[in-house]
Amino acid sequence: VIVMVEPCIYSTSVETARAIISRIIQIMEEEPDRTFNIAFSGGDTPALMFDLWANEYADKTPWKRLKIWWVEERCVPPEHSDSNYRLMRMLLLDTIAISQEHIYRIKGEEKPTREALRYSELVKKYVPEKDNCPIFDIILLGMSKEGYTSSIFSGQEQLLSSSQIYEVSRNPYDGQSRISLTG
């Protein structure tokens, strides 16, 4: 179901992050018998939100009904400073009561093509779909200062029409491989 809403504009990034978290919790409260699949972007965009969530909203969030997915991951080990998983783990996951069975990490340390296929299959198995397309309840995307999102860079628009759910992309600025949710 696509729901169109009026845009909300906030004065600060803190206000914006709080509003997003509050809205997610509200949506979950409206359907108390269901589990939600939320895919999170990486990079710097969600860091503030993860920190606020851990410190201000952890006890208000029904973690048992939340499954965490990633929109993208850099092809690095989980403890590497560039890892999107590491960022979320340090700022949020290590501080909340969520089952490890509800955390679906992209394994950036694995061979990229193989991991993109594995993660695509995992999403197919656990996330509802329509017309062979996964339907996450919420996907939170950020945008880099260079203007890309989901690690899909300028010149890689073919990833937006890929038949695979996740594909390997390459950062043209540093050559780093990434695993990205496609269009």
C-alpha atoms as a PDB file:
ATOM      1  CA  VAL A   1       0.000   0.000   0.000  1.00  0.00           C
ATOM      2  CA  ILE A   2       1.442   3.357  -0.983  1.00  0.00           C
ATOM      3  CA  VAL A   3       0.402   6.184   1.280  1.00  0.00           C
ATOM      4  CA  MET A   4       1.009   9.763   0.232  1.00  0.00           C
ATOM      5  CA  VAL A   5       1.536  12.209   3.061  1.00  0.00           C
ATOM      6  CA  GLU A   6       2.278  15.876   3.277  1.00  0.00           C
ATOM      7  CA  PRO A   7       5.994  16.513   3.769  1.00  0.00           C
ATOM      8  CA  CYS A   8       7.130  17.472   7.244  1.00  0.00           C
ATOM      9  CA  ILE A   9       9.931  19.978   7.588  1.00  0.00           C
ATOM     10  CA  TYR A  10      11.912  20.209  10.801  1.00  0.00           C
ATOM     11  CA  SER A  11      14.380  22.851  11.947  1.00  0.00           C
ATOM     12  CA  THR A  12      17.152  20.480  12.993  1.00  0.00           C
ATOM     13  CA  SER A  13      18.436  17.009  12.229  1.00  0.00           C
ATOM     14  CA  VAL A  14      17.692  16.035  15.847  1.00  0.00           C
ATOM     15  CA  GLU A  15      14.024  17.025  15.434  1.00  0.00           C
ATOM     16  CA  THR A  16      13.888  15.098  12.161  1.00  0.00           C
ATOM     17  CA  ALA A  17      15.406  11.952  13.678  1.00  0.00           C
ATOM     18  CA  ARG A  18      13.045  12.096  16.657  1.00  0.00           C
ATOM     19  CA  ALA A  19      10.051  12.488  14.339  1.00  0.00           C
ATOM     20  CA  ILE A  20      11.112   9.485  12.246  1.00  0.00           C
ATOM     21  CA  ILE A  21      11.599   7.270  15.299  1.00  0.00           C
ATOM     22  CA  SER A  22       8.298   8.392  16.817  1.00  0.00           C
ATOM     23  CA  ARG A  23       6.482   7.681  13.565  1.00  0.00           C
ATOM     24  CA  ILE A  24       7.988   4.192  13.289  1.00  0.00           C
ATOM     25  CA  ILE A  25       6.901   3.401  16.851  1.00  0.00           C
ATOM     26  CA  GLN A  26       3.423   4.799  16.140  1.00  0.00           C
ATOM     27  CA  ILE A  27       3.075   2.636  13.016  1.00  0.00           C
ATOM     28  CA  MET A  28       4.092  -0.435  15.000  1.00  0.00           C
ATOM     29  CA  GLU A  29       1.624   0.390  17.786  1.00  0.00           C
ATOM     30  CA  GLU A  30      -1.202   0.646  15.233  1.00  0.00           C
ATOM     31  CA  GLU A  31      -0.657  -3.017  14.299  1.00  0.00           C
ATOM     32  CA  PRO A  32       0.339  -4.723  17.566  1.00  0.00           C
ATOM     33  CA  ASP A  33       0.074  -8.284  16.237  1.00  0.00           C
ATOM     34  CA  ARG A  34       2.506  -7.949  13.383  1.00  0.00           C
ATOM     35  CA  THR A  35       6.243  -8.032  12.835  1.00  0.00           C
ATOM     36  CA  PHE A  36       7.828  -5.216  10.830  1.00  0.00           C
ATOM     37  CA  ASN A  37      10.717  -5.453   8.363  1.00  0.00           C
ATOM     38  CA  ILE A  38      12.730  -2.244   8.274  1.00  0.00           C
ATOM     39  CA  ALA A  39      15.732  -1.695   6.007  1.00  0.00           C
ATOM     40  CA  PHE A  40      18.277   0.888   7.103  1.00  0.00           C
ATOM     41  CA  SER A  41      20.701   2.837   4.996  1.00  0.00           C
ATOM     42  CA  GLY A  42      24.311   3.172   6.007  1.00  0.00           C
ATOM     43  CA  GLY A  43      26.778   5.985   6.079  1.00  0.00           C
ATOM     44  CA  ASP A  44      26.570   9.044   8.282  1.00  0.00           C
ATOM     45  CA  THR A  45      22.864   9.764   7.758  1.00  0.00           C
ATOM     46  CA  PRO A  46      21.442   7.292  10.311  1.00  0.00           C
ATOM     47  CA  ALA A  47      24.105   7.704  13.031  1.00  0.00           C
ATOM     48  CA  LEU A  48      22.246  10.452  14.888  1.00  0.00           C
ATOM     49  CA  MET A  49      18.999   8.500  14.663  1.00  0.00           C
ATOM     50  CA  PHE A  50      20.604   5.322  16.048  1.00  0.00           C
ATOM     51  CA  ASP A  51      22.063   7.264  18.977  1.00  0.00           C
ATOM     52  CA  LEU A  52      18.760   8.974  19.800  1.00  0.00           C
ATOM     53  CA  TRP A  53      16.871   5.708  19.458  1.00  0.00           C
ATOM     54  CA  ALA A  54      19.190   3.973  21.920  1.00  0.00           C
ATOM     55  CA  ASN A  55      19.126   6.800  24.445  1.00  0.00           C
ATOM     56  CA  GLU A  56      15.575   8.148  24.208  1.00  0.00           C
ATOM     57  CA  TYR A  57      13.321   5.529  22.614  1.00  0.00           C
ATOM     58  CA  ALA A  58      14.740   2.091  23.445  1.00  0.00           C
ATOM     59  CA  ASP A  59      12.142   1.332  26.110  1.00  0.00           C
ATOM     60  CA  LYS A  60       9.282   2.570  23.889  1.00  0.00           C
ATOM     61  CA  THR A  61      10.132   0.350  20.913  1.00  0.00           C
ATOM     62  CA  PRO A  62       8.643  -3.162  20.557  1.00  0.00           C
ATOM     63  CA  TRP A  63      11.952  -4.762  19.530  1.00  0.00           C
ATOM     64  CA  LYS A  64      10.456  -8.279  19.513  1.00  0.00           C
ATOM     65  CA  ARG A  65       8.353  -7.252  16.512  1.00  0.00           C
ATOM     66  CA  LEU A  66      11.100  -5.565  14.527  1.00  0.00           C
ATOM     67  CA  LYS A  67      13.359  -7.257  11.979  1.00  0.00           C
ATOM     68  CA  ILE A  68      16.365  -5.226  10.928  1.00  0.00           C
ATOM     69  CA  TRP A  69      17.741  -5.309   7.388  1.00  0.00           C
ATOM     70  CA  TRP A  70      20.314  -3.221   5.533  1.00  0.00           C
ATOM     71  CA  VAL A  71      19.842  -1.275   2.328  1.00  0.00           C
ATOM     72  CA  GLU A  72      23.556  -1.399   1.632  1.00  0.00           C
ATOM     73  CA  GLU A  73      26.875  -2.490   3.059  1.00  0.00           C
ATOM     74  CA  ARG A  74      30.465  -1.807   2.203  1.00  0.00           C
ATOM     75  CA  CYS A  75      32.505  -4.911   1.398  1.00  0.00           C
ATOM     76  CA  VAL A  76      34.511  -4.860   4.615  1.00  0.00           C
ATOM     77  CA  PRO A  77      34.549  -7.046   7.759  1.00  0.00           C
ATOM     78  CA  PRO A  78      31.897  -6.292  10.412  1.00  0.00           C
ATOM     79  CA  GLU A  79      34.416  -4.655  12.763  1.00  0.00           C
ATOM     80  CA  HIS A  80      35.886  -2.349  10.101  1.00  0.00           C
ATOM     81  CA  SER A  81      35.311   1.366  10.680  1.00  0.00           C
ATOM     82  CA  ASP A  82      33.533   1.607   7.275  1.00  0.00           C
ATOM     83  CA  SER A  83      30.997  -1.113   8.116  1.00  0.00           C
ATOM     84  CA  ASN A  84      27.374   0.041   8.227  1.00  0.00           C
ATOM     85  CA  TYR A  85      26.598  -2.921  10.469  1.00  0.00           C
ATOM     86  CA  ARG A  86      29.321  -1.832  12.903  1.00  0.00           C
ATOM     87  CA  LEU A  87      27.887   1.683  13.070  1.00  0.00           C
ATOM     88  CA  MET A  88      24.417   0.422  13.928  1.00  0.00           C
ATOM     89  CA  ARG A  89      25.742  -2.203  16.335  1.00  0.00           C
ATOM     90  CA  MET A  90      27.847   0.291  18.281  1.00  0.00           C
ATOM     91  CA  LEU A  91      25.219   3.038  18.460  1.00  0.00           C
ATOM     92  CA  LEU A  92      22.042   0.970  18.795  1.00  0.00           C
ATOM     93  CA  LEU A  93      22.105  -2.818  18.666  1.00  0.00           C
ATOM     94  CA  ASP A  94      24.520  -3.330  21.571  1.00  0.00           C
ATOM     95  CA  THR A  95      22.283  -1.224  23.817  1.00  0.00           C
ATOM     96  CA  ILE A  96      18.826  -2.693  23.149  1.00  0.00           C
ATOM     97  CA  ALA A  97      16.994  -5.931  23.869  1.00  0.00           C
ATOM     98  CA  ILE A  98      16.658  -7.360  20.370  1.00  0.00           C
ATOM     99  CA  SER A  99      17.116 -10.988  19.415  1.00  0.00           C
ATOM    100  CA  GLN A 100      20.061 -11.729  17.134  1.00  0.00           C
ATOM    101  CA  GLU A 101      17.540 -13.715  15.070  1.00  0.00           C
ATOM    102  CA  HIS A 102      15.918 -10.397  14.112  1.00  0.00           C
ATOM    103  CA  ILE A 103      19.130  -8.865  12.764  1.00  0.00           C
ATOM    104  CA  TYR A 104      19.865  -9.695   9.123  1.00  0.00           C
ATOM    105  CA  ARG A 105      23.356  -8.435   8.408  1.00  0.00           C
ATOM    106  CA  ILE A 106      24.883  -8.165   4.963  1.00  0.00           C
ATOM    107  CA  LYS A 107      28.194  -9.999   5.291  1.00  0.00           C
ATOM    108  CA  GLY A 108      30.547  -7.478   3.761  1.00  0.00           C
ATOM    109  CA  GLU A 109      33.532  -9.714   4.438  1.00  0.00           C
ATOM    110  CA  GLU A 110      32.284 -12.377   1.986  1.00  0.00           C
ATOM    111  CA  LYS A 111      32.800 -12.451  -1.779  1.00  0.00           C
ATOM    112  CA  PRO A 112      30.582  -9.582  -3.000  1.00  0.00           C
ATOM    113  CA  THR A 113      28.701 -11.352  -5.805  1.00  0.00           C
ATOM    114  CA  ARG A 114      28.036 -14.411  -3.677  1.00  0.00           C
ATOM    115  CA  GLU A 115      26.907 -12.284  -0.725  1.00  0.00           C
ATOM    116  CA  ALA A 116      24.577 -10.164  -2.863  1.00  0.00           C
ATOM    117  CA  LEU A 117      22.926 -13.392  -4.031  1.00  0.00           C
ATOM    118  CA  ARG A 118      22.781 -14.846  -0.491  1.00  0.00           C
ATOM    119  CA  TYR A 119      21.233 -11.685   0.925  1.00  0.00           C
ATOM    120  CA  SER A 120      18.742 -11.492  -1.949  1.00  0.00           C
ATOM    121  CA  GLU A 121      17.662 -15.058  -1.156  1.00  0.00           C
ATOM    122  CA  LEU A 122      17.362 -14.224   2.554  1.00  0.00           C
ATOM    123  CA  VAL A 123      15.115 -11.273   1.743  1.00  0.00           C
ATOM    124  CA  LYS A 124      13.012 -13.477  -0.571  1.00  0.00           C
ATOM    125  CA  LYS A 125      12.615 -15.994   2.238  1.00  0.00           C
ATOM    126  CA  TYR A 126      11.586 -13.615   5.035  1.00  0.00           C
ATOM    127  CA  VAL A 127      10.217 -10.387   3.555  1.00  0.00           C
ATOM    128  CA  PRO A 128       6.748 -10.362   1.943  1.00  0.00           C
ATOM    129  CA  GLU A 129       6.792  -9.708  -1.788  1.00  0.00           C
ATOM    130  CA  LYS A 130       4.591  -8.586  -4.605  1.00  0.00           C
ATOM    131  CA  ASP A 131       5.436  -9.291  -8.255  1.00  0.00           C
ATOM    132  CA  ASN A 132       8.840 -10.705  -7.196  1.00  0.00           C
ATOM    133  CA  CYS A 133       9.677  -7.463  -5.400  1.00  0.00           C
ATOM    134  CA  PRO A 134      10.223  -7.401  -1.627  1.00  0.00           C
ATOM    135  CA  ILE A 135       7.886  -5.167   0.321  1.00  0.00           C
ATOM    136  CA  PHE A 136       9.733  -3.853   3.355  1.00  0.00           C
ATOM    137  CA  ASP A 137       7.456  -2.045   5.780  1.00  0.00           C
ATOM    138  CA  ILE A 138       9.881   0.865   5.944  1.00  0.00           C
ATOM    139  CA  ILE A 139      13.071   1.682   4.061  1.00  0.00           C
ATOM    140  CA  LEU A 140      15.120   4.534   5.481  1.00  0.00           C
ATOM    141  CA  LEU A 141      17.483   6.025   2.928  1.00  0.00           C
ATOM    142  CA  GLY A 142      20.086   8.701   3.267  1.00  0.00           C
ATOM    143  CA  MET A 143      21.842  10.768   0.667  1.00  0.00           C
ATOM    144  CA  SER A 144      25.558  11.361   0.455  1.00  0.00           C
ATOM    145  CA  LYS A 145      27.112  14.746  -0.106  1.00  0.00           C
ATOM    146  CA  GLU A 146      27.993  13.439  -3.596  1.00  0.00           C
ATOM    147  CA  GLY A 147      24.298  12.842  -4.296  1.00  0.00           C
ATOM    148  CA  TYR A 148      24.017   9.046  -4.305  1.00  0.00           C
ATOM    149  CA  THR A 149      21.764   6.806  -2.237  1.00  0.00           C
ATOM    150  CA  SER A 150      21.793   3.069  -1.484  1.00  0.00           C
ATOM    151  CA  SER A 151      25.377   2.964  -2.813  1.00  0.00           C
ATOM    152  CA  ILE A 152      24.022   3.391  -6.327  1.00  0.00           C
ATOM    153  CA  PHE A 153      26.301   5.946  -7.911  1.00  0.00           C
ATOM    154  CA  SER A 154      25.986   8.108 -11.003  1.00  0.00           C
ATOM    155  CA  GLY A 155      26.514   5.913 -14.048  1.00  0.00           C
ATOM    156  CA  GLN A 156      25.151   2.820 -12.279  1.00  0.00           C
ATOM    157  CA  GLU A 157      21.485   3.463 -12.998  1.00  0.00           C
ATOM    158  CA  GLN A 158      21.138  -0.056 -14.448  1.00  0.00           C
ATOM    159  CA  LEU A 159      21.050  -1.257 -10.826  1.00  0.00           C
ATOM    160  CA  LEU A 160      17.671   0.441 -10.480  1.00  0.00           C
ATOM    161  CA  SER A 161      16.137  -2.040 -12.938  1.00  0.00           C
ATOM    162  CA  SER A 162      18.061  -5.171 -11.951  1.00  0.00           C
ATOM    163  CA  SER A 163      16.122  -8.409 -11.555  1.00  0.00           C
ATOM    164  CA  GLN A 164      18.232  -9.187  -8.476  1.00  0.00           C
ATOM    165  CA  ILE A 165      17.165  -7.695  -5.157  1.00  0.00           C
ATOM    166  CA  TYR A 166      20.763  -6.896  -4.170  1.00  0.00           C
ATOM    167  CA  GLU A 167      23.707  -6.308  -6.489  1.00  0.00           C
ATOM    168  CA  VAL A 168      27.349  -5.342  -6.209  1.00  0.00           C
ATOM    169  CA  SER A 169      28.108  -1.688  -6.858  1.00  0.00           C
ATOM    170  CA  ARG A 170      31.469   0.052  -6.928  1.00  0.00           C
ATOM    171  CA  ASN A 171      32.205   3.427  -5.415  1.00  0.00           C
ATOM    172  CA  PRO A 172      33.795   5.451  -8.244  1.00  0.00           C
ATOM    173  CA  TYR A 173      35.525   7.734  -5.744  1.00  0.00           C
ATOM    174  CA  ASP A 174      37.567   5.063  -3.940  1.00  0.00           C
ATOM    175  CA  GLY A 175      36.920   1.828  -5.873  1.00  0.00           C
ATOM    176  CA  GLN A 176      35.348   0.112  -2.862  1.00  0.00           C
ATOM    177  CA  SER A 177      32.798  -2.605  -3.643  1.00  0.00           C
ATOM    178  CA  ARG A 178      29.425  -2.445  -1.934  1.00  0.00           C
ATOM    179  CA  ILE A 179      26.308  -4.560  -1.799  1.00  0.00           C
ATOM    180  CA  SER A 180      23.226  -2.501  -2.608  1.00  0.00           C
ATOM    181  CA  LEU A 181      19.466  -2.857  -2.691  1.00  0.00           C
ATOM    182  CA  THR A 182      18.408  -2.376  -6.292  1.00  0.00           C
ATOM    183  CA  GLY A 183      15.387  -0.578  -7.690  1.00  0.00           C
END
